[in-house]
Amino acid sequence: MNKVVLVILIFCCAAGARSTASAADVVVGPEIFDLIAQDKAAGEAWLFYAYALGLCEDPNSPSFDCEVGARKISLEQWVKYSKDSKSAKDVYFSELLKVVESGFIAEYVKHFLYQERWGEVKAPQYREYLDWAKDNIPMHRIETKLHARYE
């Protein structure tokens, strides 16, 4: 897993997720082992999500842009790891992939994860997203399977 952490840190720092380029200490529970045992691709993706949030200015209360970025990073990793695993059939990430490929990730995060502290967020195609979602992911449920503590 050290290789995974290093890759996350390099990727996120290069993307400028945290101005100081230092991550919070990320503490995940033993549920990560169950997630990886059930579906390695999805488990690794959720680990990337947790570490990506650790690079946010305030990982315990991430900004809208940071949440969008963390979801995208987790999806990128799921796509990468699911290519190596024929058993990777995670419904959540499969549907998130459709969202991203259709260009609606900001709208998706606004719809499912909006926090009042974010105020006005940039989701210019929000109405189009709602119409698209009815036809393409009508039964979608938001997931966050790995919760971390940031110190």
N, C-alpha and C. Protein backbone atom coordinates (compact mmCIF):
# COMPACT_ATOMS: atom_id res chain seq x y z
N MET A 1 0.81 -1.20 0.00
CA MET A 1 0.00 0.00 0.00
C MET A 1 0.85 1.26 0.00
N ASN A 2 2.09 1.18 0.41
CA ASN A 2 2.93 2.37 0.41
C ASN A 2 3.07 2.95 -0.99
N LYS A 3 3.14 2.09 -1.99
CA LYS A 3 3.22 2.54 -3.38
C LYS A 3 1.97 3.33 -3.75
N VAL A 4 0.81 2.86 -3.30
CA VAL A 4 -0.46 3.55 -3.57
C VAL A 4 -0.45 4.93 -2.95
N VAL A 5 -0.02 5.04 -1.71
CA VAL A 5 0.02 6.32 -1.02
C VAL A 5 0.96 7.28 -1.74
N LEU A 6 2.12 6.81 -2.14
CA LEU A 6 3.09 7.65 -2.83
C LEU A 6 2.51 8.17 -4.14
N VAL A 7 1.85 7.32 -4.90
CA VAL A 7 1.25 7.74 -6.16
C VAL A 7 0.19 8.81 -5.91
N ILE A 8 -0.63 8.63 -4.89
CA ILE A 8 -1.66 9.62 -4.57
C ILE A 8 -1.02 10.96 -4.23
N LEU A 9 -0.02 10.93 -3.39
CA LEU A 9 0.63 12.18 -2.99
C LEU A 9 1.25 12.90 -4.17
N ILE A 10 1.90 12.17 -5.04
CA ILE A 10 2.50 12.79 -6.22
C ILE A 10 1.43 13.37 -7.12
N PHE A 11 0.39 12.61 -7.39
CA PHE A 11 -0.68 13.06 -8.28
C PHE A 11 -1.37 14.30 -7.72
N CYS A 12 -1.75 14.25 -6.47
CA CYS A 12 -2.50 15.35 -5.88
C CYS A 12 -1.65 16.60 -5.72
N CYS A 13 -0.41 16.43 -5.34
CA CYS A 13 0.46 17.60 -5.20
C CYS A 13 0.69 18.25 -6.55
N ALA A 14 0.85 17.44 -7.59
CA ALA A 14 1.03 17.99 -8.93
C ALA A 14 -0.21 18.74 -9.38
N ALA A 15 -1.36 18.29 -8.93
CA ALA A 15 -2.62 18.96 -9.31
C ALA A 15 -2.88 20.19 -8.44
N GLY A 16 -2.06 20.42 -7.44
CA GLY A 16 -2.21 21.61 -6.60
C GLY A 16 -3.38 21.52 -5.64
N ALA A 17 -3.70 20.34 -5.15
CA ALA A 17 -4.85 20.19 -4.28
C ALA A 17 -4.66 20.91 -2.95
N ARG A 18 -3.43 21.04 -2.50
CA ARG A 18 -3.18 21.71 -1.23
C ARG A 18 -2.00 22.66 -1.44
N SER A 19 -2.20 23.88 -1.09
CA SER A 19 -1.20 24.89 -1.40
C SER A 19 0.14 24.62 -0.73
N THR A 20 0.15 23.96 0.41
CA THR A 20 1.40 23.69 1.10
C THR A 20 2.05 22.39 0.63
N ALA A 21 1.37 21.66 -0.24
CA ALA A 21 1.87 20.40 -0.79
C ALA A 21 2.20 19.39 0.30
N SER A 22 1.51 19.48 1.43
CA SER A 22 1.68 18.48 2.47
C SER A 22 0.31 17.92 2.82
N ALA A 23 0.31 16.66 3.10
CA ALA A 23 -0.96 15.99 3.39
C ALA A 23 -1.17 15.88 4.89
N ALA A 24 -2.43 15.86 5.26
CA ALA A 24 -2.77 15.53 6.63
C ALA A 24 -2.47 14.05 6.83
N ASP A 25 -2.24 13.65 8.05
CA ASP A 25 -2.10 12.23 8.32
C ASP A 25 -3.48 11.61 8.16
N VAL A 26 -3.56 10.58 7.36
CA VAL A 26 -4.83 9.94 7.05
C VAL A 26 -4.90 8.62 7.80
N VAL A 27 -5.95 8.46 8.59
CA VAL A 27 -6.14 7.24 9.36
C VAL A 27 -7.40 6.56 8.85
N VAL A 28 -7.24 5.37 8.31
CA VAL A 28 -8.40 4.60 7.86
C VAL A 28 -8.56 3.41 8.77
N GLY A 29 -9.79 2.96 8.87
CA GLY A 29 -10.09 1.83 9.74
C GLY A 29 -9.86 0.50 9.05
N PRO A 30 -10.04 -0.57 9.79
CA PRO A 30 -9.82 -1.92 9.24
C PRO A 30 -10.81 -2.30 8.14
N GLU A 31 -11.86 -1.49 7.96
CA GLU A 31 -12.82 -1.81 6.89
C GLU A 31 -12.19 -1.78 5.51
N ILE A 32 -11.04 -1.11 5.38
CA ILE A 32 -10.37 -1.08 4.08
C ILE A 32 -10.00 -2.49 3.63
N PHE A 33 -9.64 -3.35 4.57
CA PHE A 33 -9.27 -4.72 4.21
C PHE A 33 -10.48 -5.48 3.68
N ASP A 34 -11.65 -5.26 4.28
CA ASP A 34 -12.87 -5.90 3.78
C ASP A 34 -13.23 -5.38 2.40
N LEU A 35 -13.10 -4.06 2.21
CA LEU A 35 -13.42 -3.48 0.90
C LEU A 35 -12.52 -4.07 -0.19
N ILE A 36 -11.24 -4.17 0.09
CA ILE A 36 -10.30 -4.71 -0.89
C ILE A 36 -10.55 -6.19 -1.12
N ALA A 37 -10.90 -6.92 -0.07
CA ALA A 37 -11.19 -8.35 -0.23
C ALA A 37 -12.43 -8.58 -1.08
N GLN A 38 -13.44 -7.70 -0.94
CA GLN A 38 -14.68 -7.84 -1.71
C GLN A 38 -14.48 -7.45 -3.17
N ASP A 39 -13.75 -6.38 -3.40
CA ASP A 39 -13.52 -5.87 -4.75
C ASP A 39 -12.28 -5.01 -4.70
N LYS A 40 -11.16 -5.57 -5.15
CA LYS A 40 -9.88 -4.88 -5.05
C LYS A 40 -9.91 -3.52 -5.75
N ALA A 41 -10.50 -3.45 -6.92
CA ALA A 41 -10.52 -2.19 -7.67
C ALA A 41 -11.28 -1.11 -6.91
N ALA A 42 -12.45 -1.45 -6.38
CA ALA A 42 -13.24 -0.46 -5.63
C ALA A 42 -12.57 -0.12 -4.31
N GLY A 43 -12.00 -1.09 -3.63
CA GLY A 43 -11.31 -0.82 -2.37
C GLY A 43 -10.13 0.13 -2.57
N GLU A 44 -9.34 -0.13 -3.59
CA GLU A 44 -8.21 0.76 -3.88
C GLU A 44 -8.70 2.16 -4.25
N ALA A 45 -9.80 2.23 -4.99
CA ALA A 45 -10.35 3.53 -5.39
C ALA A 45 -10.79 4.33 -4.17
N TRP A 46 -11.44 3.66 -3.20
CA TRP A 46 -11.86 4.38 -1.99
C TRP A 46 -10.67 4.81 -1.16
N LEU A 47 -9.59 4.04 -1.19
CA LEU A 47 -8.37 4.44 -0.49
C LEU A 47 -7.80 5.71 -1.14
N PHE A 48 -7.79 5.77 -2.45
CA PHE A 48 -7.34 6.97 -3.15
C PHE A 48 -8.23 8.16 -2.80
N TYR A 49 -9.52 7.94 -2.70
CA TYR A 49 -10.45 9.01 -2.33
C TYR A 49 -10.08 9.59 -0.95
N ALA A 50 -9.86 8.70 0.01
CA ALA A 50 -9.53 9.15 1.36
C ALA A 50 -8.22 9.95 1.38
N TYR A 51 -7.23 9.47 0.67
CA TYR A 51 -5.95 10.17 0.65
C TYR A 51 -6.03 11.47 -0.14
N ALA A 52 -6.84 11.50 -1.18
CA ALA A 52 -7.02 12.75 -1.94
C ALA A 52 -7.65 13.82 -1.06
N LEU A 53 -8.63 13.44 -0.25
CA LEU A 53 -9.22 14.41 0.68
C LEU A 53 -8.19 14.89 1.70
N GLY A 54 -7.25 14.03 2.05
CA GLY A 54 -6.20 14.41 3.00
C GLY A 54 -5.32 15.53 2.50
N LEU A 55 -5.37 15.80 1.21
CA LEU A 55 -4.59 16.89 0.63
C LEU A 55 -5.37 18.19 0.54
N CYS A 56 -6.61 18.16 0.91
CA CYS A 56 -7.44 19.37 0.86
C CYS A 56 -6.99 20.35 1.93
N GLU A 57 -7.34 21.60 1.74
CA GLU A 57 -7.01 22.63 2.72
C GLU A 57 -7.54 22.24 4.10
N ASP A 58 -8.78 21.74 4.15
CA ASP A 58 -9.37 21.25 5.40
C ASP A 58 -10.01 19.90 5.09
N PRO A 59 -9.26 18.82 5.23
CA PRO A 59 -9.77 17.51 4.84
C PRO A 59 -10.99 17.05 5.62
N ASN A 60 -11.19 17.57 6.83
CA ASN A 60 -12.37 17.19 7.61
C ASN A 60 -13.62 17.92 7.15
N SER A 61 -13.43 18.94 6.34
CA SER A 61 -14.53 19.72 5.81
C SER A 61 -14.14 20.20 4.41
N PRO A 62 -14.05 19.26 3.46
CA PRO A 62 -13.50 19.60 2.14
C PRO A 62 -14.37 20.59 1.36
N SER A 63 -13.70 21.39 0.56
CA SER A 63 -14.40 22.34 -0.30
C SER A 63 -15.08 21.57 -1.44
N PHE A 64 -15.94 22.27 -2.14
CA PHE A 64 -16.62 21.69 -3.30
C PHE A 64 -15.59 21.18 -4.31
N ASP A 65 -14.62 22.03 -4.66
CA ASP A 65 -13.62 21.64 -5.66
C ASP A 65 -12.80 20.44 -5.20
N CYS A 66 -12.51 20.37 -3.91
CA CYS A 66 -11.75 19.24 -3.40
C CYS A 66 -12.58 17.96 -3.46
N GLU A 67 -13.85 18.04 -3.14
CA GLU A 67 -14.73 16.86 -3.23
C GLU A 67 -14.83 16.38 -4.67
N VAL A 68 -14.99 17.32 -5.60
CA VAL A 68 -15.04 16.96 -7.03
C VAL A 68 -13.73 16.25 -7.41
N GLY A 69 -12.61 16.84 -7.03
CA GLY A 69 -11.31 16.25 -7.36
C GLY A 69 -11.11 14.88 -6.76
N ALA A 70 -11.51 14.69 -5.52
CA ALA A 70 -11.34 13.40 -4.85
C ALA A 70 -12.20 12.33 -5.53
N ARG A 71 -13.41 12.68 -5.92
CA ARG A 71 -14.27 11.71 -6.63
C ARG A 71 -13.65 11.34 -7.97
N LYS A 72 -13.12 12.33 -8.67
CA LYS A 72 -12.50 12.05 -9.97
C LYS A 72 -11.26 11.17 -9.82
N ILE A 73 -10.44 11.45 -8.81
CA ILE A 73 -9.25 10.64 -8.57
C ILE A 73 -9.63 9.21 -8.24
N SER A 74 -10.63 9.04 -7.39
CA SER A 74 -11.05 7.68 -7.03
C SER A 74 -11.56 6.94 -8.27
N LEU A 75 -12.31 7.63 -9.12
CA LEU A 75 -12.81 7.00 -10.34
C LEU A 75 -11.68 6.62 -11.27
N GLU A 76 -10.70 7.50 -11.44
CA GLU A 76 -9.55 7.20 -12.30
C GLU A 76 -8.85 5.94 -11.83
N GLN A 77 -8.70 5.80 -10.53
CA GLN A 77 -8.05 4.61 -10.00
C GLN A 77 -8.92 3.37 -10.17
N TRP A 78 -10.22 3.52 -9.99
CA TRP A 78 -11.12 2.37 -10.20
C TRP A 78 -11.02 1.89 -11.65
N VAL A 79 -11.02 2.81 -12.59
CA VAL A 79 -10.91 2.44 -14.00
C VAL A 79 -9.59 1.71 -14.23
N LYS A 80 -8.51 2.24 -13.68
CA LYS A 80 -7.19 1.63 -13.85
C LYS A 80 -7.16 0.22 -13.25
N TYR A 81 -7.62 0.08 -12.01
CA TYR A 81 -7.56 -1.22 -11.34
C TYR A 81 -8.61 -2.19 -11.87
N SER A 82 -9.74 -1.71 -12.32
CA SER A 82 -10.78 -2.64 -12.80
C SER A 82 -10.38 -3.27 -14.13
N LYS A 83 -9.48 -2.66 -14.86
CA LYS A 83 -9.00 -3.27 -16.10
C LYS A 83 -8.23 -4.55 -15.81
N ASP A 84 -7.60 -4.59 -14.64
CA ASP A 84 -6.82 -5.76 -14.24
C ASP A 84 -7.67 -6.85 -13.59
N SER A 85 -8.92 -6.53 -13.28
CA SER A 85 -9.77 -7.47 -12.56
C SER A 85 -11.09 -7.66 -13.30
N LYS A 86 -11.29 -8.84 -13.80
CA LYS A 86 -12.52 -9.12 -14.53
C LYS A 86 -13.74 -9.15 -13.60
N SER A 87 -13.51 -9.25 -12.29
CA SER A 87 -14.62 -9.32 -11.35
C SER A 87 -15.05 -7.94 -10.86
N ALA A 88 -14.37 -6.89 -11.30
CA ALA A 88 -14.71 -5.54 -10.83
C ALA A 88 -15.99 -5.07 -11.51
N LYS A 89 -17.07 -5.10 -10.75
CA LYS A 89 -18.36 -4.70 -11.29
C LYS A 89 -19.07 -3.77 -10.32
N ASP A 90 -18.37 -2.83 -9.79
CA ASP A 90 -18.92 -1.92 -8.80
C ASP A 90 -19.95 -0.99 -9.46
N VAL A 91 -21.19 -1.06 -9.00
CA VAL A 91 -22.27 -0.27 -9.58
C VAL A 91 -22.02 1.22 -9.39
N TYR A 92 -21.58 1.62 -8.20
CA TYR A 92 -21.35 3.03 -7.95
C TYR A 92 -20.33 3.61 -8.93
N PHE A 93 -19.17 2.99 -9.02
CA PHE A 93 -18.14 3.53 -9.91
C PHE A 93 -18.52 3.40 -11.38
N SER A 94 -19.25 2.37 -11.73
CA SER A 94 -19.73 2.25 -13.12
C SER A 94 -20.62 3.43 -13.49
N GLU A 95 -21.49 3.80 -12.58
CA GLU A 95 -22.39 4.93 -12.84
C GLU A 95 -21.65 6.26 -12.75
N LEU A 96 -20.70 6.38 -11.83
CA LEU A 96 -19.91 7.61 -11.75
C LEU A 96 -19.10 7.81 -13.04
N LEU A 97 -18.65 6.73 -13.62
CA LEU A 97 -17.93 6.81 -14.89
C LEU A 97 -18.83 7.41 -15.98
N LYS A 98 -20.08 7.01 -16.02
CA LYS A 98 -21.03 7.59 -16.98
C LYS A 98 -21.18 9.09 -16.75
N VAL A 99 -21.24 9.49 -15.49
CA VAL A 99 -21.39 10.90 -15.12
C VAL A 99 -20.19 11.70 -15.64
N VAL A 100 -19.00 11.22 -15.34
CA VAL A 100 -17.78 11.93 -15.73
C VAL A 100 -17.65 11.97 -17.26
N GLU A 101 -17.90 10.84 -17.91
CA GLU A 101 -17.80 10.81 -19.37
C GLU A 101 -18.79 11.75 -20.04
N SER A 102 -19.89 12.04 -19.37
CA SER A 102 -20.91 12.95 -19.91
C SER A 102 -20.65 14.40 -19.50
N GLY A 103 -19.61 14.63 -18.70
CA GLY A 103 -19.22 15.99 -18.34
C GLY A 103 -20.03 16.61 -17.21
N PHE A 104 -20.58 15.78 -16.32
CA PHE A 104 -21.46 16.30 -15.27
C PHE A 104 -20.94 16.10 -13.85
N ILE A 105 -19.63 15.95 -13.65
CA ILE A 105 -19.15 15.65 -12.30
C ILE A 105 -19.44 16.79 -11.31
N ALA A 106 -19.29 18.04 -11.71
CA ALA A 106 -19.59 19.14 -10.79
C ALA A 106 -21.08 19.15 -10.43
N GLU A 107 -21.91 18.90 -11.41
CA GLU A 107 -23.35 18.88 -11.19
C GLU A 107 -23.74 17.71 -10.28
N TYR A 108 -23.08 16.58 -10.47
CA TYR A 108 -23.31 15.39 -9.66
C TYR A 108 -22.97 15.67 -8.19
N VAL A 109 -21.80 16.23 -7.96
CA VAL A 109 -21.38 16.52 -6.59
C VAL A 109 -22.33 17.53 -5.96
N LYS A 110 -22.73 18.54 -6.71
CA LYS A 110 -23.69 19.51 -6.18
C LYS A 110 -24.99 18.82 -5.80
N HIS A 111 -25.49 17.95 -6.66
CA HIS A 111 -26.77 17.30 -6.43
C HIS A 111 -26.74 16.35 -5.22
N PHE A 112 -25.72 15.54 -5.13
CA PHE A 112 -25.69 14.50 -4.09
C PHE A 112 -24.96 14.88 -2.81
N LEU A 113 -24.03 15.81 -2.87
CA LEU A 113 -23.17 16.06 -1.72
C LEU A 113 -23.15 17.51 -1.25
N TYR A 114 -24.03 18.34 -1.76
CA TYR A 114 -23.99 19.77 -1.47
C TYR A 114 -23.96 20.06 0.03
N GLN A 115 -23.09 20.98 0.41
CA GLN A 115 -22.96 21.45 1.79
C GLN A 115 -23.23 22.95 1.80
N GLU A 116 -24.01 23.43 2.74
CA GLU A 116 -24.31 24.87 2.80
C GLU A 116 -23.07 25.73 2.87
N ARG A 117 -22.05 25.24 3.54
CA ARG A 117 -20.82 26.03 3.68
C ARG A 117 -20.15 26.30 2.33
N TRP A 118 -20.51 25.54 1.29
CA TRP A 118 -19.95 25.76 -0.04
C TRP A 118 -20.51 27.01 -0.69
N GLY A 119 -21.69 27.44 -0.24
CA GLY A 119 -22.32 28.59 -0.88
C GLY A 119 -22.68 28.28 -2.33
N GLU A 120 -22.53 29.26 -3.18
CA GLU A 120 -22.82 29.08 -4.62
C GLU A 120 -21.69 28.28 -5.25
N VAL A 121 -22.02 27.18 -5.89
CA VAL A 121 -21.00 26.36 -6.55
C VAL A 121 -21.19 26.41 -8.06
N LYS A 122 -20.08 26.18 -8.77
CA LYS A 122 -20.12 26.21 -10.23
C LYS A 122 -20.56 24.86 -10.77
N ALA A 123 -21.79 24.80 -11.22
CA ALA A 123 -22.35 23.60 -11.84
C ALA A 123 -23.25 24.11 -12.97
N PRO A 124 -22.64 24.63 -14.03
CA PRO A 124 -23.39 25.34 -15.07
C PRO A 124 -24.44 24.54 -15.82
N GLN A 125 -24.31 23.22 -15.81
CA GLN A 125 -25.26 22.39 -16.56
C GLN A 125 -26.17 21.61 -15.62
N TYR A 126 -26.51 22.21 -14.51
CA TYR A 126 -27.26 21.48 -13.49
C TYR A 126 -28.60 20.95 -14.00
N ARG A 127 -29.37 21.78 -14.65
CA ARG A 127 -30.69 21.33 -15.17
C ARG A 127 -30.52 20.23 -16.21
N GLU A 128 -29.51 20.37 -17.07
CA GLU A 128 -29.24 19.34 -18.08
C GLU A 128 -28.84 18.03 -17.40
N TYR A 129 -28.06 18.15 -16.32
CA TYR A 129 -27.66 16.96 -15.58
C TYR A 129 -28.88 16.23 -15.02
N LEU A 130 -29.81 16.96 -14.43
CA LEU A 130 -31.00 16.33 -13.85
C LEU A 130 -31.78 15.56 -14.91
N ASP A 131 -31.93 16.14 -16.09
CA ASP A 131 -32.61 15.45 -17.19
C ASP A 131 -31.83 14.21 -17.62
N TRP A 132 -30.52 14.38 -17.76
CA TRP A 132 -29.65 13.27 -18.18
C TRP A 132 -29.71 12.14 -17.15
N ALA A 133 -29.64 12.48 -15.87
CA ALA A 133 -29.62 11.48 -14.80
C ALA A 133 -30.90 10.64 -14.77
N LYS A 134 -32.03 11.26 -15.04
CA LYS A 134 -33.30 10.51 -15.06
C LYS A 134 -33.25 9.37 -16.06
N ASP A 135 -32.59 9.60 -17.18
CA ASP A 135 -32.52 8.59 -18.24
C ASP A 135 -31.35 7.63 -18.09
N ASN A 136 -30.25 8.08 -17.48
CA ASN A 136 -29.02 7.30 -17.50
C ASN A 136 -28.62 6.64 -16.19
N ILE A 137 -29.00 7.25 -15.07
CA ILE A 137 -28.69 6.64 -13.76
C ILE A 137 -29.89 6.84 -12.82
N PRO A 138 -31.07 6.37 -13.22
CA PRO A 138 -32.29 6.69 -12.47
C PRO A 138 -32.33 6.15 -11.04
N MET A 139 -31.67 5.07 -10.76
CA MET A 139 -31.70 4.46 -9.42
C MET A 139 -30.40 4.70 -8.65
N HIS A 140 -29.60 5.65 -9.10
CA HIS A 140 -28.28 5.87 -8.51
C HIS A 140 -28.36 6.25 -7.04
N ARG A 141 -27.41 5.70 -6.28
CA ARG A 141 -27.28 6.04 -4.87
C ARG A 141 -25.83 6.46 -4.63
N ILE A 142 -25.69 7.57 -3.96
CA ILE A 142 -24.35 8.07 -3.63
C ILE A 142 -23.70 7.13 -2.63
N GLU A 143 -22.41 6.94 -2.75
CA GLU A 143 -21.67 6.10 -1.81
C GLU A 143 -20.39 6.79 -1.39
N THR A 144 -20.03 6.54 -0.17
CA THR A 144 -18.70 6.86 0.35
C THR A 144 -18.40 5.71 1.30
N LYS A 145 -17.70 4.72 0.79
CA LYS A 145 -17.52 3.49 1.55
C LYS A 145 -16.34 3.50 2.51
N LEU A 146 -15.48 4.50 2.39
CA LEU A 146 -14.33 4.54 3.29
C LEU A 146 -14.27 5.92 3.91
N HIS A 147 -14.45 5.97 5.21
CA HIS A 147 -14.35 7.23 5.94
C HIS A 147 -13.02 7.23 6.68
N ALA A 148 -12.34 8.33 6.59
CA ALA A 148 -11.04 8.44 7.23
C ALA A 148 -11.06 9.55 8.27
N ARG A 149 -10.08 9.51 9.12
CA ARG A 149 -9.86 10.57 10.09
C ARG A 149 -8.58 11.28 9.68
N TYR A 150 -8.60 12.59 9.72
CA TYR A 150 -7.46 13.39 9.27
C TYR A 150 -6.88 14.15 10.46
N GLU A 151 -5.57 14.01 10.64
CA GLU A 151 -4.89 14.64 11.79
C GLU A 151 -3.81 15.57 11.32
